[in-house]
Amino acid sequence: MTSTLRLEKVTPDNVEAACRLKVRPDQERLVAPVVRSLAEAYAQPEVAWPRLIFEGEQLVGFVMGFFLVRFDPDNPEDRLRSGIWRLNIAAGHQGRGYGRFAVESVCEEVRRRGQSRVTVSWVPGEHGPERFYLGLGFRPTGEMSGEQVVGELVLTGGAA
């Protein structure tokens, strides 16, 4: 399947389709919609890496990475982090490996940029992505980002 999977930049030709992408109704309170992610990316282009996930010509999801961000900019001890800012897989396309592909793609980009750790945060609870991220090797750091659990994956030489 992954041979037909690819990430694409958001462009004038695909932005409307991107904004129509919806997760399952029970997940809407757990992840911001793509339109908000695109607004955040526009406001912070130096750290945001928004990409659409396609299988063939079918839009199946959205992922946005972030690079070299301090979670607490007022704390000089807080280290720079890179990772997954947002992941939205379309309601009818979940459970088919698209999320894993997106996470692995962000991990590759983080590694390409010289970093060795990938950070993600998630809303805990029913229908949340915690099992998904733990299954990919992320481990809770003990930190919280607002109401979200912060997890981290240490990258090795191979695929994440």
N, C-alpha and C. Protein backbone atom coordinates (compact mmCIF):
# COMPACT_ATOMS: atom_id res chain seq x y z
N MET A 1 0.82 -1.20 0.00
CA MET A 1 0.00 0.00 0.00
C MET A 1 0.86 1.26 0.00
N THR A 2 1.95 1.28 0.79
CA THR A 2 2.72 2.51 0.93
C THR A 2 3.33 2.98 -0.38
N SER A 3 3.41 2.12 -1.39
CA SER A 3 3.99 2.55 -2.66
C SER A 3 3.14 3.62 -3.34
N THR A 4 1.85 3.68 -3.04
CA THR A 4 1.00 4.72 -3.64
C THR A 4 0.74 5.86 -2.67
N LEU A 5 1.23 5.75 -1.45
CA LEU A 5 1.05 6.82 -0.47
C LEU A 5 2.08 7.91 -0.69
N ARG A 6 1.65 9.15 -0.52
CA ARG A 6 2.58 10.27 -0.64
C ARG A 6 2.06 11.46 0.15
N LEU A 7 2.97 12.33 0.49
CA LEU A 7 2.62 13.62 1.10
C LEU A 7 2.72 14.68 0.02
N GLU A 8 1.82 15.64 0.09
CA GLU A 8 1.88 16.79 -0.82
C GLU A 8 1.72 18.07 -0.02
N LYS A 9 2.35 19.11 -0.51
CA LYS A 9 2.14 20.44 0.08
C LYS A 9 0.71 20.87 -0.18
N VAL A 10 0.22 21.74 0.69
CA VAL A 10 -1.09 22.34 0.48
C VAL A 10 -0.92 23.46 -0.54
N THR A 11 -1.76 23.43 -1.57
CA THR A 11 -1.65 24.39 -2.67
C THR A 11 -3.03 25.01 -2.94
N PRO A 12 -3.07 26.05 -3.78
CA PRO A 12 -4.38 26.59 -4.16
C PRO A 12 -5.28 25.55 -4.81
N ASP A 13 -4.69 24.54 -5.44
CA ASP A 13 -5.49 23.51 -6.11
C ASP A 13 -6.11 22.49 -5.16
N ASN A 14 -5.53 22.32 -3.96
CA ASN A 14 -6.05 21.29 -3.06
C ASN A 14 -6.51 21.81 -1.70
N VAL A 15 -6.41 23.11 -1.47
CA VAL A 15 -6.73 23.66 -0.15
C VAL A 15 -8.21 23.47 0.21
N GLU A 16 -9.10 23.58 -0.74
CA GLU A 16 -10.53 23.39 -0.44
C GLU A 16 -10.81 21.95 -0.02
N ALA A 17 -10.23 21.01 -0.72
CA ALA A 17 -10.40 19.59 -0.34
C ALA A 17 -9.80 19.36 1.05
N ALA A 18 -8.67 19.99 1.33
CA ALA A 18 -8.05 19.85 2.64
C ALA A 18 -8.98 20.35 3.74
N CYS A 19 -9.60 21.48 3.52
CA CYS A 19 -10.50 22.06 4.52
C CYS A 19 -11.77 21.25 4.72
N ARG A 20 -12.15 20.43 3.74
CA ARG A 20 -13.34 19.58 3.87
C ARG A 20 -13.05 18.26 4.59
N LEU A 21 -11.78 17.94 4.79
CA LEU A 21 -11.41 16.68 5.43
C LEU A 21 -11.94 16.64 6.86
N LYS A 22 -12.62 15.57 7.22
CA LYS A 22 -13.22 15.45 8.55
C LYS A 22 -12.83 14.13 9.20
N VAL A 23 -12.54 14.18 10.49
CA VAL A 23 -12.34 12.97 11.27
C VAL A 23 -13.71 12.45 11.71
N ARG A 24 -13.73 11.31 12.40
CA ARG A 24 -15.00 10.78 12.90
C ARG A 24 -15.62 11.76 13.89
N PRO A 25 -16.94 11.80 13.99
CA PRO A 25 -17.59 12.72 14.93
C PRO A 25 -17.12 12.55 16.37
N ASP A 26 -16.84 11.32 16.81
CA ASP A 26 -16.39 11.11 18.18
C ASP A 26 -14.94 11.57 18.41
N GLN A 27 -14.25 11.98 17.35
CA GLN A 27 -12.88 12.46 17.47
C GLN A 27 -12.78 13.98 17.34
N GLU A 28 -13.87 14.63 16.99
CA GLU A 28 -13.82 16.07 16.71
C GLU A 28 -13.36 16.89 17.90
N ARG A 29 -13.66 16.45 19.10
CA ARG A 29 -13.23 17.20 20.29
C ARG A 29 -11.76 16.94 20.63
N LEU A 30 -11.16 15.96 19.95
CA LEU A 30 -9.80 15.54 20.26
C LEU A 30 -8.73 16.15 19.36
N VAL A 31 -9.13 16.63 18.19
CA VAL A 31 -8.15 17.17 17.24
C VAL A 31 -8.79 18.36 16.51
N ALA A 32 -8.00 19.41 16.37
CA ALA A 32 -8.51 20.60 15.68
C ALA A 32 -8.72 20.29 14.20
N PRO A 33 -9.67 20.96 13.57
CA PRO A 33 -9.90 20.74 12.14
C PRO A 33 -8.73 21.26 11.29
N VAL A 34 -8.63 20.74 10.09
CA VAL A 34 -7.54 21.10 9.19
C VAL A 34 -7.51 22.61 8.95
N VAL A 35 -8.65 23.24 8.84
CA VAL A 35 -8.68 24.68 8.58
C VAL A 35 -7.94 25.45 9.68
N ARG A 36 -8.08 25.03 10.93
CA ARG A 36 -7.35 25.70 12.02
C ARG A 36 -5.85 25.44 11.87
N SER A 37 -5.50 24.20 11.53
CA SER A 37 -4.08 23.88 11.35
C SER A 37 -3.46 24.75 10.26
N LEU A 38 -4.19 24.94 9.18
CA LEU A 38 -3.66 25.77 8.09
C LEU A 38 -3.50 27.22 8.53
N ALA A 39 -4.43 27.71 9.34
CA ALA A 39 -4.29 29.07 9.87
C ALA A 39 -3.06 29.16 10.77
N GLU A 40 -2.84 28.16 11.61
CA GLU A 40 -1.66 28.16 12.48
C GLU A 40 -0.38 28.08 11.66
N ALA A 41 -0.40 27.27 10.61
CA ALA A 41 0.77 27.15 9.74
C ALA A 41 1.06 28.47 9.04
N TYR A 42 0.02 29.16 8.61
CA TYR A 42 0.19 30.45 7.95
C TYR A 42 0.79 31.47 8.93
N ALA A 43 0.34 31.42 10.19
CA ALA A 43 0.82 32.36 11.20
C ALA A 43 2.23 32.03 11.69
N GLN A 44 2.66 30.77 11.53
CA GLN A 44 3.96 30.35 12.04
C GLN A 44 4.72 29.51 10.98
N PRO A 45 4.92 30.07 9.81
CA PRO A 45 5.53 29.28 8.73
C PRO A 45 6.95 28.83 9.02
N GLU A 46 7.63 29.47 9.95
CA GLU A 46 9.01 29.09 10.25
C GLU A 46 9.11 27.78 11.02
N VAL A 47 8.00 27.34 11.63
CA VAL A 47 8.04 26.08 12.40
C VAL A 47 7.06 25.02 11.89
N ALA A 48 6.05 25.42 11.13
CA ALA A 48 5.00 24.48 10.72
C ALA A 48 5.34 23.81 9.39
N TRP A 49 4.94 22.54 9.28
CA TRP A 49 5.18 21.73 8.08
C TRP A 49 3.89 20.99 7.75
N PRO A 50 2.90 21.67 7.14
CA PRO A 50 1.62 21.03 6.83
C PRO A 50 1.70 20.23 5.54
N ARG A 51 1.15 19.01 5.57
CA ARG A 51 1.16 18.15 4.38
C ARG A 51 -0.14 17.36 4.30
N LEU A 52 -0.58 17.15 3.07
CA LEU A 52 -1.75 16.31 2.81
C LEU A 52 -1.27 14.90 2.52
N ILE A 53 -2.06 13.92 2.93
CA ILE A 53 -1.74 12.51 2.71
C ILE A 53 -2.65 12.00 1.61
N PHE A 54 -2.05 11.50 0.57
CA PHE A 54 -2.80 10.95 -0.56
C PHE A 54 -2.46 9.48 -0.73
N GLU A 55 -3.48 8.70 -1.10
CA GLU A 55 -3.26 7.37 -1.65
C GLU A 55 -3.75 7.46 -3.08
N GLY A 56 -2.82 7.36 -4.03
CA GLY A 56 -3.17 7.61 -5.42
C GLY A 56 -3.65 9.05 -5.53
N GLU A 57 -4.85 9.23 -6.05
CA GLU A 57 -5.43 10.57 -6.19
C GLU A 57 -6.40 10.91 -5.07
N GLN A 58 -6.58 10.00 -4.11
CA GLN A 58 -7.55 10.16 -3.01
C GLN A 58 -6.90 10.83 -1.81
N LEU A 59 -7.44 11.97 -1.37
CA LEU A 59 -7.00 12.62 -0.14
C LEU A 59 -7.53 11.82 1.04
N VAL A 60 -6.62 11.34 1.90
CA VAL A 60 -7.03 10.49 3.02
C VAL A 60 -6.68 11.09 4.37
N GLY A 61 -5.87 12.15 4.39
CA GLY A 61 -5.51 12.71 5.68
C GLY A 61 -4.66 13.95 5.58
N PHE A 62 -4.31 14.44 6.76
CA PHE A 62 -3.51 15.65 6.91
C PHE A 62 -2.58 15.44 8.09
N VAL A 63 -1.34 15.87 7.93
CA VAL A 63 -0.39 15.85 9.04
C VAL A 63 0.36 17.18 9.04
N MET A 64 0.66 17.66 10.24
CA MET A 64 1.47 18.87 10.33
C MET A 64 2.57 18.64 11.35
N GLY A 65 3.79 18.74 10.88
CA GLY A 65 4.93 18.66 11.77
C GLY A 65 5.29 20.03 12.28
N PHE A 66 6.11 20.05 13.32
CA PHE A 66 6.68 21.31 13.83
C PHE A 66 8.16 21.06 14.09
N PHE A 67 8.94 22.13 13.99
CA PHE A 67 10.38 22.00 14.10
C PHE A 67 10.98 23.08 14.98
N LEU A 68 11.81 22.64 15.91
CA LEU A 68 12.63 23.51 16.76
C LEU A 68 11.79 24.53 17.53
N VAL A 69 10.89 24.00 18.34
CA VAL A 69 9.99 24.81 19.16
C VAL A 69 10.27 24.55 20.63
N ARG A 70 10.27 25.60 21.44
CA ARG A 70 10.33 25.45 22.90
C ARG A 70 8.89 25.48 23.42
N PHE A 71 8.50 24.45 24.16
CA PHE A 71 7.14 24.42 24.72
C PHE A 71 6.96 25.55 25.73
N ASP A 72 8.03 25.89 26.46
CA ASP A 72 8.00 26.98 27.44
C ASP A 72 9.11 27.96 27.09
N PRO A 73 8.82 28.93 26.20
CA PRO A 73 9.87 29.84 25.72
C PRO A 73 10.48 30.70 26.83
N ASP A 74 9.76 30.85 27.96
CA ASP A 74 10.30 31.65 29.06
C ASP A 74 11.26 30.87 29.94
N ASN A 75 11.36 29.56 29.70
CA ASN A 75 12.23 28.71 30.50
C ASN A 75 13.50 28.41 29.70
N PRO A 76 14.65 28.96 30.11
CA PRO A 76 15.89 28.73 29.35
C PRO A 76 16.34 27.27 29.38
N GLU A 77 15.81 26.48 30.32
CA GLU A 77 16.16 25.06 30.40
C GLU A 77 15.35 24.21 29.43
N ASP A 78 14.25 24.77 28.90
CA ASP A 78 13.41 24.00 27.99
C ASP A 78 14.14 23.81 26.67
N ARG A 79 14.20 22.57 26.20
CA ARG A 79 14.95 22.28 24.98
C ARG A 79 14.08 22.48 23.74
N LEU A 80 14.73 22.63 22.62
CA LEU A 80 14.03 22.71 21.34
C LEU A 80 13.48 21.34 21.00
N ARG A 81 12.26 21.30 20.48
CA ARG A 81 11.61 20.04 20.12
C ARG A 81 11.09 20.13 18.69
N SER A 82 10.96 18.95 18.11
CA SER A 82 10.35 18.80 16.79
C SER A 82 9.40 17.62 16.88
N GLY A 83 8.36 17.65 16.05
CA GLY A 83 7.45 16.51 16.11
C GLY A 83 6.16 16.70 15.33
N ILE A 84 5.13 16.04 15.83
CA ILE A 84 3.83 16.02 15.18
C ILE A 84 2.92 17.00 15.90
N TRP A 85 2.49 18.01 15.16
CA TRP A 85 1.61 19.03 15.71
C TRP A 85 0.16 18.59 15.57
N ARG A 86 -0.17 18.02 14.42
CA ARG A 86 -1.56 17.65 14.16
C ARG A 86 -1.59 16.45 13.22
N LEU A 87 -2.55 15.56 13.45
CA LEU A 87 -2.76 14.41 12.57
C LEU A 87 -4.26 14.17 12.45
N ASN A 88 -4.77 14.30 11.24
CA ASN A 88 -6.19 14.09 10.95
C ASN A 88 -6.29 13.07 9.83
N ILE A 89 -6.87 11.92 10.12
CA ILE A 89 -7.13 10.93 9.09
C ILE A 89 -8.64 10.94 8.85
N ALA A 90 -9.03 11.05 7.59
CA ALA A 90 -10.45 11.16 7.23
C ALA A 90 -11.24 9.98 7.81
N ALA A 91 -12.45 10.26 8.23
CA ALA A 91 -13.30 9.29 8.93
C ALA A 91 -13.38 7.95 8.20
N GLY A 92 -13.58 7.94 6.92
CA GLY A 92 -13.74 6.70 6.18
C GLY A 92 -12.44 6.01 5.82
N HIS A 93 -11.31 6.55 6.25
CA HIS A 93 -10.02 6.01 5.85
C HIS A 93 -9.14 5.58 7.02
N GLN A 94 -9.70 5.54 8.22
CA GLN A 94 -8.90 5.18 9.38
C GLN A 94 -8.69 3.68 9.46
N GLY A 95 -7.61 3.30 10.13
CA GLY A 95 -7.31 1.89 10.33
C GLY A 95 -6.66 1.22 9.14
N ARG A 96 -6.14 2.00 8.20
CA ARG A 96 -5.54 1.43 6.98
C ARG A 96 -4.05 1.74 6.84
N GLY A 97 -3.44 2.26 7.89
CA GLY A 97 -2.00 2.53 7.85
C GLY A 97 -1.62 3.94 7.45
N TYR A 98 -2.60 4.80 7.18
CA TYR A 98 -2.29 6.17 6.76
C TYR A 98 -1.67 6.98 7.89
N GLY A 99 -2.16 6.79 9.11
CA GLY A 99 -1.59 7.49 10.26
C GLY A 99 -0.14 7.08 10.50
N ARG A 100 0.12 5.79 10.42
CA ARG A 100 1.50 5.29 10.58
C ARG A 100 2.39 5.91 9.50
N PHE A 101 1.92 5.91 8.26
CA PHE A 101 2.70 6.52 7.18
C PHE A 101 3.00 7.99 7.48
N ALA A 102 2.00 8.72 7.97
CA ALA A 102 2.19 10.14 8.27
C ALA A 102 3.22 10.33 9.38
N VAL A 103 3.11 9.54 10.45
CA VAL A 103 4.06 9.65 11.56
C VAL A 103 5.47 9.31 11.08
N GLU A 104 5.60 8.23 10.32
CA GLU A 104 6.92 7.86 9.80
C GLU A 104 7.49 8.94 8.90
N SER A 105 6.63 9.61 8.13
CA SER A 105 7.09 10.69 7.25
C SER A 105 7.59 11.88 8.06
N VAL A 106 6.89 12.23 9.13
CA VAL A 106 7.36 13.32 9.99
C VAL A 106 8.67 12.92 10.65
N CYS A 107 8.76 11.67 11.10
CA CYS A 107 10.01 11.19 11.70
C CYS A 107 11.17 11.31 10.72
N GLU A 108 10.95 10.96 9.47
CA GLU A 108 12.00 11.08 8.46
C GLU A 108 12.43 12.54 8.28
N GLU A 109 11.45 13.45 8.29
CA GLU A 109 11.77 14.87 8.12
C GLU A 109 12.52 15.40 9.35
N VAL A 110 12.12 14.97 10.54
CA VAL A 110 12.81 15.37 11.77
C VAL A 110 14.26 14.88 11.70
N ARG A 111 14.46 13.64 11.32
CA ARG A 111 15.79 13.06 11.19
C ARG A 111 16.60 13.82 10.13
N ARG A 112 15.96 14.12 9.01
CA ARG A 112 16.64 14.86 7.93
C ARG A 112 17.13 16.22 8.40
N ARG A 113 16.39 16.81 9.32
CA ARG A 113 16.75 18.13 9.86
C ARG A 113 17.73 18.03 11.03
N GLY A 114 18.22 16.81 11.30
CA GLY A 114 19.28 16.65 12.29
C GLY A 114 18.82 16.41 13.71
N GLN A 115 17.56 16.14 13.92
CA GLN A 115 17.05 15.90 15.27
C GLN A 115 16.93 14.40 15.52
N SER A 116 16.92 14.01 16.79
CA SER A 116 16.87 12.58 17.13
C SER A 116 15.67 12.21 18.00
N ARG A 117 14.79 13.16 18.25
CA ARG A 117 13.59 12.88 19.05
C ARG A 117 12.37 13.51 18.37
N VAL A 118 11.26 12.81 18.48
CA VAL A 118 10.00 13.30 17.92
C VAL A 118 9.02 13.42 19.08
N THR A 119 8.39 14.58 19.17
CA THR A 119 7.44 14.85 20.24
C THR A 119 6.03 14.90 19.66
N VAL A 120 5.07 14.43 20.44
CA VAL A 120 3.66 14.51 20.07
C VAL A 120 2.87 14.71 21.36
N SER A 121 1.69 15.27 21.25
CA SER A 121 0.80 15.35 22.41
C SER A 121 -0.57 14.88 21.98
N TRP A 122 -1.32 14.35 22.96
CA TRP A 122 -2.65 13.84 22.66
C TRP A 122 -3.59 14.06 23.82
N VAL A 123 -4.86 14.17 23.49
CA VAL A 123 -5.91 14.26 24.50
C VAL A 123 -6.15 12.84 25.00
N PRO A 124 -6.03 12.62 26.31
CA PRO A 124 -6.26 11.27 26.82
C PRO A 124 -7.76 10.95 26.83
N GLY A 125 -8.06 9.67 26.85
CA GLY A 125 -9.44 9.26 27.00
C GLY A 125 -9.96 8.43 25.84
N GLU A 126 -11.22 8.08 25.97
CA GLU A 126 -11.89 7.24 24.99
C GLU A 126 -11.85 7.88 23.60
N HIS A 127 -11.61 7.08 22.60
CA HIS A 127 -11.54 7.48 21.19
C HIS A 127 -10.29 8.28 20.86
N GLY A 128 -9.43 8.51 21.85
CA GLY A 128 -8.21 9.27 21.61
C GLY A 128 -7.12 8.42 20.96
N PRO A 129 -6.04 9.05 20.54
CA PRO A 129 -4.98 8.36 19.80
C PRO A 129 -3.88 7.76 20.68
N GLU A 130 -4.06 7.69 21.98
CA GLU A 130 -2.98 7.22 22.85
C GLU A 130 -2.47 5.83 22.46
N ARG A 131 -3.35 4.86 22.27
CA ARG A 131 -2.92 3.51 21.90
C ARG A 131 -2.15 3.52 20.58
N PHE A 132 -2.61 4.34 19.65
CA PHE A 132 -1.93 4.47 18.35
C PHE A 132 -0.49 4.93 18.55
N TYR A 133 -0.30 6.03 19.29
CA TYR A 133 1.05 6.56 19.48
C TYR A 133 1.92 5.62 20.31
N LEU A 134 1.37 5.03 21.36
CA LEU A 134 2.14 4.08 22.16
C LEU A 134 2.56 2.89 21.30
N GLY A 135 1.67 2.43 20.42
CA GLY A 135 1.99 1.31 19.54
C GLY A 135 3.11 1.62 18.56
N LEU A 136 3.31 2.90 18.26
CA LEU A 136 4.41 3.30 17.36
C LEU A 136 5.71 3.54 18.12
N GLY A 137 5.67 3.39 19.44
CA GLY A 137 6.88 3.53 20.23
C GLY A 137 7.01 4.80 21.03
N PHE A 138 6.03 5.71 20.93
CA PHE A 138 6.08 6.92 21.74
C PHE A 138 5.87 6.56 23.21
N ARG A 139 6.53 7.28 24.10
CA ARG A 139 6.38 7.06 25.52
C ARG A 139 6.06 8.39 26.20
N PRO A 140 5.10 8.39 27.13
CA PRO A 140 4.80 9.63 27.86
C PRO A 140 6.04 10.15 28.58
N THR A 141 6.21 11.46 28.54
CA THR A 141 7.37 12.08 29.19
C THR A 141 7.08 12.47 30.63
N GLY A 142 5.82 12.43 31.04
CA GLY A 142 5.43 12.91 32.35
C GLY A 142 4.99 14.36 32.31
N GLU A 143 5.15 15.00 31.17
CA GLU A 143 4.74 16.39 31.00
C GLU A 143 3.31 16.45 30.46
N MET A 144 2.69 17.60 30.66
CA MET A 144 1.40 17.90 30.06
C MET A 144 1.57 19.19 29.27
N SER A 145 0.86 19.28 28.16
CA SER A 145 0.78 20.51 27.39
C SER A 145 -0.69 20.91 27.44
N GLY A 146 -1.03 21.79 28.36
CA GLY A 146 -2.44 22.07 28.61
C GLY A 146 -3.09 20.81 29.15
N GLU A 147 -4.12 20.33 28.46
CA GLU A 147 -4.83 19.11 28.86
C GLU A 147 -4.30 17.87 28.14
N GLN A 148 -3.21 18.02 27.40
CA GLN A 148 -2.71 16.92 26.59
C GLN A 148 -1.46 16.27 27.19
N VAL A 149 -1.38 14.95 27.05
CA VAL A 149 -0.21 14.17 27.44
C VAL A 149 0.88 14.40 26.39
N VAL A 150 2.10 14.62 26.84
CA VAL A 150 3.23 14.77 25.93
C VAL A 150 3.96 13.44 25.84
N GLY A 151 4.18 12.98 24.61
CA GLY A 151 4.91 11.75 24.36
C GLY A 151 6.12 12.02 23.50
N GLU A 152 7.07 11.10 23.57
CA GLU A 152 8.29 11.28 22.80
C GLU A 152 8.77 9.94 22.25
N LEU A 153 9.35 10.00 21.08
CA LEU A 153 9.95 8.83 20.44
C LEU A 153 11.40 9.17 20.13
N VAL A 154 12.32 8.33 20.58
CA VAL A 154 13.73 8.51 20.26
C VAL A 154 13.98 7.78 18.95
N LEU A 155 14.48 8.53 17.98
CA LEU A 155 14.74 7.96 16.66
C LEU A 155 16.03 7.17 16.67
N THR A 156 16.02 6.06 15.94
CA THR A 156 17.22 5.26 15.78
C THR A 156 17.67 5.44 14.34
N GLY A 157 18.69 4.73 13.93
CA GLY A 157 19.21 4.86 12.57
C GLY A 157 18.24 4.42 11.49
N GLY A 158 17.31 3.49 11.81
CA GLY A 158 16.37 2.99 10.82
C GLY A 158 15.08 3.78 10.83
N ALA A 159 14.05 3.18 10.22
CA ALA A 159 12.73 3.83 10.16
C ALA A 159 12.15 3.90 11.56
N ALA A 160 11.36 4.93 11.79
CA ALA A 160 10.76 5.15 13.11
C ALA A 160 9.69 4.13 13.39
